[in-house]
C-alpha atoms as a PDB file:
ATOM      1  CA  UNK A   1       0.000   0.000   0.000  1.00  0.00           C
ATOM      2  CA  UNK A   2       1.412   3.390  -1.015  1.00  0.00           C
ATOM      3  CA  UNK A   3       2.100   5.911   1.710  1.00  0.00           C
ATOM      4  CA  UNK A   4       1.266   9.561   1.015  1.00  0.00           C
ATOM      5  CA  UNK A   5       2.438  12.546   3.072  1.00  0.00           C
ATOM      6  CA  UNK A   6       0.076  15.522   3.136  1.00  0.00           C
ATOM      7  CA  UNK A   7       1.397  18.933   4.217  1.00  0.00           C
ATOM      8  CA  UNK A   8      -0.030  22.431   3.850  1.00  0.00           C
ATOM      9  CA  UNK A   9       1.044  25.851   4.999  1.00  0.00           C
ATOM     10  CA  UNK A  10      -1.474  27.766   7.123  1.00  0.00           C
ATOM     11  CA  UNK A  11      -3.205  29.727   4.377  1.00  0.00           C
ATOM     12  CA  UNK A  12      -3.481  26.583   2.209  1.00  0.00           C
ATOM     13  CA  UNK A  13      -4.817  24.151   4.816  1.00  0.00           C
ATOM     14  CA  UNK A  14      -8.426  24.648   3.713  1.00  0.00           C
ATOM     15  CA  UNK A  15      -7.358  24.090   0.097  1.00  0.00           C
ATOM     16  CA  UNK A  16      -5.756  20.803   1.207  1.00  0.00           C
ATOM     17  CA  UNK A  17      -8.882  19.763   3.121  1.00  0.00           C
ATOM     18  CA  UNK A  18     -11.053  20.447   0.077  1.00  0.00           C
ATOM     19  CA  UNK A  19      -8.594  18.600  -2.180  1.00  0.00           C
ATOM     20  CA  UNK A  20      -8.661  15.558   0.111  1.00  0.00           C
ATOM     21  CA  UNK A  21     -12.467  15.580   0.198  1.00  0.00           C
ATOM     22  CA  UNK A  22     -12.530  15.718  -3.618  1.00  0.00           C
ATOM     23  CA  UNK A  23     -10.178  12.716  -3.845  1.00  0.00           C
ATOM     24  CA  UNK A  24     -11.411  10.928  -0.724  1.00  0.00           C
ATOM     25  CA  UNK A  25     -12.305   7.656  -2.454  1.00  0.00           C
ATOM     26  CA  UNK A  26      -8.899   7.319  -4.111  1.00  0.00           C
ATOM     27  CA  UNK A  27      -7.027   8.453  -0.974  1.00  0.00           C
ATOM     28  CA  UNK A  28      -8.857   5.838   1.108  1.00  0.00           C
ATOM     29  CA  UNK A  29      -6.763   3.182  -0.657  1.00  0.00           C
ATOM     30  CA  UNK A  30      -3.496   4.661   0.675  1.00  0.00           C
ATOM     31  CA  UNK A  31      -1.884   5.123   4.082  1.00  0.00           C
ATOM     32  CA  UNK A  32      -1.988   8.831   4.869  1.00  0.00           C
ATOM     33  CA  UNK A  33       0.589  10.740   6.883  1.00  0.00           C
ATOM     34  CA  UNK A  34       0.573  14.448   7.657  1.00  0.00           C
ATOM     35  CA  UNK A  35       2.028  17.180   9.779  1.00  0.00           C
ATOM     36  CA  UNK A  36       0.001  17.816  12.941  1.00  0.00           C
ATOM     37  CA  UNK A  37      -2.555  20.528  12.259  1.00  0.00           C
ATOM     38  CA  UNK A  38      -3.011  19.609   8.609  1.00  0.00           C
ATOM     39  CA  UNK A  39      -3.526  15.960   9.544  1.00  0.00           C
ATOM     40  CA  UNK A  40      -6.082  16.787  12.216  1.00  0.00           C
ATOM     41  CA  UNK A  41      -8.089  18.984   9.868  1.00  0.00           C
ATOM     42  CA  UNK A  42      -8.003  16.286   7.155  1.00  0.00           C
ATOM     43  CA  UNK A  43      -9.079  13.594   9.591  1.00  0.00           C
ATOM     44  CA  UNK A  44     -11.901  15.722  11.046  1.00  0.00           C
ATOM     45  CA  UNK A  45     -13.331  16.706   7.673  1.00  0.00           C
ATOM     46  CA  UNK A  46     -12.827  13.508   5.656  1.00  0.00           C
ATOM     47  CA  UNK A  47     -12.997  10.832   8.386  1.00  0.00           C
ATOM     48  CA  UNK A  48      -9.951   9.208   6.769  1.00  0.00           C
ATOM     49  CA  UNK A  49      -7.335   7.864   9.191  1.00  0.00           C
ATOM     50  CA  UNK A  50      -4.157   9.966   9.189  1.00  0.00           C
ATOM     51  CA  UNK A  51      -0.915   9.248  11.033  1.00  0.00           C
ATOM     52  CA  UNK A  52       0.066  12.634  12.372  1.00  0.00           C
ATOM     53  CA  UNK A  53       3.575  13.886  12.968  1.00  0.00           C
ATOM     54  CA  UNK A  54       4.345  17.098  14.860  1.00  0.00           C
ATOM     55  CA  UNK A  55       3.339  20.387  13.280  1.00  0.00           C
ATOM     56  CA  UNK A  56       5.795  21.691  10.681  1.00  0.00           C
ATOM     57  CA  UNK A  57       7.428  24.399  12.832  1.00  0.00           C
ATOM     58  CA  UNK A  58       7.854  21.889  15.685  1.00  0.00           C
ATOM     59  CA  UNK A  59       9.705  19.324  13.567  1.00  0.00           C
ATOM     60  CA  UNK A  60       6.974  17.644  11.504  1.00  0.00           C
ATOM     61  CA  UNK A  61       8.607  18.582   8.197  1.00  0.00           C
ATOM     62  CA  UNK A  62      11.827  16.991   9.417  1.00  0.00           C
ATOM     63  CA  UNK A  63       9.992  13.877  10.584  1.00  0.00           C
ATOM     64  CA  UNK A  64       8.463  13.441   7.139  1.00  0.00           C
ATOM     65  CA  UNK A  65      11.883  14.055   5.576  1.00  0.00           C
ATOM     66  CA  UNK A  66      13.328  11.279   7.751  1.00  0.00           C
ATOM     67  CA  UNK A  67      10.492   8.952   6.702  1.00  0.00           C
ATOM     68  CA  UNK A  68      11.316   9.691   3.051  1.00  0.00           C
ATOM     69  CA  UNK A  69      15.001   8.919   3.641  1.00  0.00           C
ATOM     70  CA  UNK A  70      14.042   5.648   5.332  1.00  0.00           C
ATOM     71  CA  UNK A  71      11.770   4.636   2.420  1.00  0.00           C
ATOM     72  CA  UNK A  72       8.549   4.967   4.442  1.00  0.00           C
ATOM     73  CA  UNK A  73       6.892   7.665   2.274  1.00  0.00           C
ATOM     74  CA  UNK A  74       6.139   7.084  -1.413  1.00  0.00           C
ATOM     75  CA  UNK A  75       4.465  10.373  -2.424  1.00  0.00           C
ATOM     76  CA  UNK A  76       4.408  13.921  -1.048  1.00  0.00           C
ATOM     77  CA  UNK A  77       1.582  16.399  -1.538  1.00  0.00           C
ATOM     78  CA  UNK A  78       2.812  19.697  -0.081  1.00  0.00           C
ATOM     79  CA  UNK A  79       0.678  22.778  -0.614  1.00  0.00           C
ATOM     80  CA  UNK A  80       3.321  25.344   0.260  1.00  0.00           C
ATOM     81  CA  UNK A  81       3.174  29.075  -0.042  1.00  0.00           C
ATOM     82  CA  UNK A  82       6.421  30.418  -1.516  1.00  0.00           C
ATOM     83  CA  UNK A  83       5.255  34.025  -1.031  1.00  0.00           C
ATOM     84  CA  UNK A  84       4.651  33.944   2.729  1.00  0.00           C
ATOM     85  CA  UNK A  85       7.464  34.092   5.296  1.00  0.00           C
ATOM     86  CA  UNK A  86       7.874  30.916   7.330  1.00  0.00           C
ATOM     87  CA  UNK A  87       9.938  30.744  10.523  1.00  0.00           C
ATOM     88  CA  UNK A  88      10.862  27.163   9.649  1.00  0.00           C
ATOM     89  CA  UNK A  89      11.790  27.921   6.013  1.00  0.00           C
ATOM     90  CA  UNK A  90      15.029  25.948   6.360  1.00  0.00           C
ATOM     91  CA  UNK A  91      13.026  22.834   7.290  1.00  0.00           C
ATOM     92  CA  UNK A  92      10.686  23.339   4.334  1.00  0.00           C
ATOM     93  CA  UNK A  93      13.603  23.591   1.922  1.00  0.00           C
ATOM     94  CA  UNK A  94      15.214  20.512   3.468  1.00  0.00           C
ATOM     95  CA  UNK A  95      11.994  18.540   2.982  1.00  0.00           C
ATOM     96  CA  UNK A  96      11.719  19.604  -0.649  1.00  0.00           C
ATOM     97  CA  UNK A  97      15.388  18.730  -1.183  1.00  0.00           C
ATOM     98  CA  UNK A  98      15.141  15.279   0.420  1.00  0.00           C
ATOM     99  CA  UNK A  99      12.098  14.386  -1.714  1.00  0.00           C
ATOM    100  CA  UNK A 100      14.089  15.277  -4.833  1.00  0.00           C
ATOM    101  CA  UNK A 101      17.217  13.428  -3.653  1.00  0.00           C
ATOM    102  CA  UNK A 102      15.219  10.250  -3.021  1.00  0.00           C
ATOM    103  CA  UNK A 103      13.197  10.642  -6.242  1.00  0.00           C
ATOM    104  CA  UNK A 104       9.871  10.735  -4.420  1.00  0.00           C
ATOM    105  CA  UNK A 105       7.029  12.131  -6.547  1.00  0.00           C
ATOM    106  CA  UNK A 106       5.913  15.453  -5.124  1.00  0.00           C
ATOM    107  CA  UNK A 107       3.128  17.908  -5.909  1.00  0.00           C
ATOM    108  CA  UNK A 108       3.348  21.446  -4.570  1.00  0.00           C
ATOM    109  CA  UNK A 109       0.005  22.856  -5.703  1.00  0.00           C
ATOM    110  CA  UNK A 110      -3.516  21.689  -6.450  1.00  0.00           C
ATOM    111  CA  UNK A 111      -2.982  21.311 -10.214  1.00  0.00           C
ATOM    112  CA  UNK A 112       0.082  19.070  -9.820  1.00  0.00           C
ATOM    113  CA  UNK A 113      -1.611  17.149  -6.981  1.00  0.00           C
ATOM    114  CA  UNK A 114      -4.588  16.436  -9.259  1.00  0.00           C
ATOM    115  CA  UNK A 115      -2.255  15.035 -11.920  1.00  0.00           C
ATOM    116  CA  UNK A 116      -0.233  13.004  -9.425  1.00  0.00           C
ATOM    117  CA  UNK A 117      -3.230  11.400  -7.713  1.00  0.00           C
ATOM    118  CA  UNK A 118      -4.692  10.416 -11.095  1.00  0.00           C
ATOM    119  CA  UNK A 119      -1.451   8.640 -11.986  1.00  0.00           C
ATOM    120  CA  UNK A 120      -1.406   6.472  -8.844  1.00  0.00           C
END
């Protein structure tokens, strides 16, 4: 079973929740992982089980990065906002880098997430 990490910056969390609800049936066939707040909002709204790491600023991005390096995450959907300042920007860049290094498919916006989920 494929394992998908779901992450969204604050102003894109609702977009992620709506995206998950749109693709709920397909996502129900995967194991879902997420950073803390995003995972809780997804779980509450979709009723899909989500393994939650810490929130991004508290180390959740790094935890997902470690899971990628250990081969425990197959796909990353990360709705990130490149225009907003983030106190944990270094962690965000490290997560993006590790996904590329380990050749893990990654979508960083709704359009690319739609394409990626259709290909799984």
